[in-house]
Amino acid sequence: MHPERPRYVIDRPAYNLPDFDRQFEKKSRQFPVGEKVKKLFRCSVPRLRGLLFRHLPVLSWLPKYKVKENLLCDVVSGVSAGTIQVPQGMAFALLANLPPVNGLYSSFFPLIPYFFMGTAHQMVPGTFAVLSIMVGIECLRLAPESDFSHFNATVNATVVDTDRMNEARLVISGTLACLTAVIQIGLGFMQFGFVAIYLSESFVRGFMTAAGLQILISVLKYIFGIKVPPYSGPLAVIYTLVDIMRGLPETNVASLVFALVSSVVLIVVKELSARYRHKLPFPIPMEIIIVVVATAISGPLHLPELYHMDIVGEIPLGFPAPIIPTVSQWEEMLSTAFSLAIVGYVINLAMGRTLAAKHGYDVDPNQEMLALGCSNFLGGFFKIHVICCALSVTLAVDSAGGTSQFASLCVMLVVMVTMLALGAFLEPLPKSVLGALIAVNLKNTLLQLSDPYYLWKKSKLDCCVWVVSFLATFFLSLPYGVAIGVGFSILVVIFKTQFRNGSAMVQIIDTDIYKNPKIYSKGKSITGVKIVNYCSPIYFANAEIFRLRVIKKTELDPGKLLLARQKFLEKEQREKAKEEKKDKEVRRRTPCSLVNMKTQTISRLELQNDFDMNSAGSAEPPTSYVNFHCSDAEQGGQSPEQEPASPSAVTLETQPMPFHTLILDLAGVCFIDLVGIKVLIKMNASYTMLGIKLYLANVQAQVCDELEAGGAFDDGNISRGNLFLSVHDAILFALQTSGERRGSSKAEGAKQGLAFNINEEKDLEQEMF
C-alpha cells in the first residue's frame, strides 16, 4: 500500500513577469564596470593577507601542523616513496631520450616550489611517462642522432658523439620545460584553471591508454637489448614496432633475462602488497630493491662487458650547473609546450582532487596551475624535463599515511642523497631493468583497453570520444592526439546542445503539471493552446533548428502561411484588374485589398504543403489559400442587385486558426545569444500576424537579462507581459484573454499582413546589415 502523500493547496493570482516583479519589488542586479575595476584593484591589509595565503598555502597548513602525530608518518612514507622515485625517474628519462641523471634532476628541483605553493598535501611532483615520451619526441626532432654522427676511420664505422648529443638534448629539455612553465603560469594568473573541464574523462582515458601502448612499445628495445632507430611524427610507433619485430633475432639474451626476472618479481610483490596492504605499515619499495640487486649482480660479475648489455652508465655526482634556456627555440616548441602544459595540469589536478576528496580538503585549480608552472620554471634552469604528478610515488605516500608536504620533502632528500653520493654505484645497472619497471607500472593503464566495451553500453558518444582520442594519439603522436581529442570532445558537446529535440506538452489531469503526452498517458490538451518545451541553449548553432522544432510540434508554419496568403492576394489583384478592364463600361469596381476580401474555408496543413506549387495555370484559386474575412458593409456599399463576382474572385469564409496561443517552456534554456533572440522576435512577429499570441514561460533570470540586452523588448518586439513564471500561469492568461482577442485579431492580422507585404524587402536588408 502506498504511503499517503502530503498535499498542498495554493491560492494565488496568475502572474506574468512584470506584475510579479512589481508586486514583490525585484532588486536591481546591475554591477557597474567602474565598481568592478575599483574592487579588483582595491588594496587593503586583509586583501593582501588573503592573496599571500592563497598563493603560498604553506603559510596556512604549516602553523597547524601536528608534529607529534604526523611527522613520523610523513618521514616514513617520504623515504619509502623516495626509493620509488629514484629508479622511476631514471627509467622515465630513457623515455625522454635523455641520460638517466635527468630523471634525478626532474625528481628533485620541482619539489622545492611545490612544497610552498602546492594545495594537494600528499602530492609528489616528478616524472610521468606520458609527458616523458612527449618530451622525447621533441628532443628527437630538434636534436636527431644524425646531427651528432661522424665516420670514425679507426673503427671503420659511423659513431655517435653521445656526450655532446646528451648535453644538447638536456638544454632542449630545460628550454621546453621553461616554455611550458611560462604557459602554465600565464594561464594560472588569467584564472584559466577551468580549461580542464574541456578534457572529458573519456578523452583522458583514451589518450592515456594510447600513450601507455606507445610507452610499452618504446621500452621494448631496452627489454630485448636491440638497436632501433628513433622515429618521430605520425605513425612513428608503427615504424618502431616494425623495426623491433625485425630485430628480435638479434635479442640480447642477458638483457631479456634481467627484464623478465625483474618483471616477475615486481608483479608478484605488487600483487601481494595490494592484497595485504592493510597489514603492511608502509609499501614495500620493491623498485629500489630490484635496482640494488640487479646492480649488485651486474657490476661485480662484469656482465655488461661479457654480454654487451646496454647499461645506465656514468651518473655525474652533484648538482648540475644552471643553464639559460634557448628562447630562440620557443617558436618551434610552442605547440608541444602547450600540449604538455594542458596534459600535465589535467593529470595533476585529477590526482589532486582524488586526494582532496579522500582526506577532506580543497584543491584550488588555478593555484595548482601556478604551483606546477613555478615547479617547471625553476627546474627548467637545471636541465629537467616537464613534470607533473609522479603517480606511483604519490600513491605510495598516500598509502603509507603521509599527511603533508613534509613527505615530499623527504622524497626530495632521498633523491638528493642519490645525486650527491649513491649515483656512482648505479653505473652497471642494465637499462632492461629500468624498461621492465616501466612496463610493469603500465598495467593499470593498459587495462583501460576494455573501456570501449563498457562505454558503448552507457554512452555511445563518450565511446566515440574514447576511440577517436585513442586512435589519433596512437597513430598520429601525442600532440596531435591532444588537439584532435579535445576538438572532437568539443564537437560532441556542440552536437549534444545543437540537436536536442523539443516536445509538445499537455496538462496532466487535475494538476498544474505539464508533460510530454508520449511519456504520460493521463494528459489532456488545452483547447486553442499549444505548449512546446526546449531543453538546450538557443544560440547561433541551433536557433534555426529550434524554430523548425516548434513548427514540427505545432504543425503550423507561420512563414509559409503568410507567404501563401501574399501569393493569393497578388493573384486575386491581377484577376480583378483584368475584370475591371473588361467591365469598366458596365460598373466601377473598388480596388481589392487585403481588407475587402472574404476567404475560403481551407486546410492550414494543405496550405503549408502547397504554397510552393505553381498555380499560375489554374483558373481557380487553390483550395489551400487563406484570406481574411470582411463583412458586406466593407464592400463599399455594393447592392444585392449588382452582378456577382467571377469564379476566380469569389469571396470565401475564414476558417479559424488551429490554436490561438503558443507557449514556449524555456525552463531548460540556460542562455540565448543574439541570433536566438532574433529568431524569437521573428517568430513572435509571424504568429502575431496570424492572430496567435506567443508566450514565454519559465524564463531564467539570466536569460531574461540577455533578452533585454539583446533588444527583445524594444520597439514592441516581444511584450514583457508575455513572459510568465510558469506554464500554468501562461495557460490561465491565455484562456482568460482568448475571447477578448477574437474580435480584434482579424483586423489586426490584416493590418500586419499588409505591413508584412510592404516591408518585406526592408526587413531583409535590416537582417543582412
Foldseek 3Di string as FASTA:
>chain_A
DDDDDDDDDDDDAQDFDVVVCVVVVDDDPDDDPVNVVCVVPPDDPVVVVVVVCQQFVCVVCVVVDDCVPFVVLLLVLLQLLLLVQLLLLLLLLVLLVAASLLSLLQQFQLLVLCQGQFDQFLFRKGADNLLSNLNSLVLCVVQNQVVQWDQDPVVRGIDGPVVVSNVVSLLVQLLLLQLLLVVLQVCLVVVVLVVLVLCDPLLLLLLLLLSLVLLLLVLVCLLQVHDFHADHFFQRSVSSNVVSVVCNVVGQVVSNVLLVVLLVVVVVLVVVCVVCLVVDLARDSSLSVSLVVLLVVCPVVVVCVVRVFAASAAAAADAAQFDDRDVVCCVVCVLSSNLLNNSQLSVQVVVSVVSCVVPPHDGDSSSSSNSQSVSSNSSSRRSHHRMHTPVVSSVRSVSNPRDGSSSSVSSNVSSNCCRHPVVRSSRSRGSSSSSSVSSSVCVVSNVCVCVLVVCVVVPVLSSVLSVQLNVQCNRGHSSSSVVRSSVSSVVSVCVVQQPFAKAKWFAQPPDLDIDHCVVDVRGDHDQQEIEIETQHAQEDRRLVVVVVNLCVRVVADLVLLLLLQVVLQVVLQVVVVVVCVVCVVPDHADHDALAQAAWADADRNVSSVPSPDDCVPPQADDRNHTGFHDDPVVRVPDDPPDDADDRNRHGHHGDQDSHAEYEYEHLNHPEYALVNLVSLLVVQLSSLLNNHHYAYENQDPRRVVRNVVSQCPPPNSDPSSRYGHHPSSNVVVCVVCVVVSPVPSRVSSRVSSVVCVVCVVVVVVVVVD
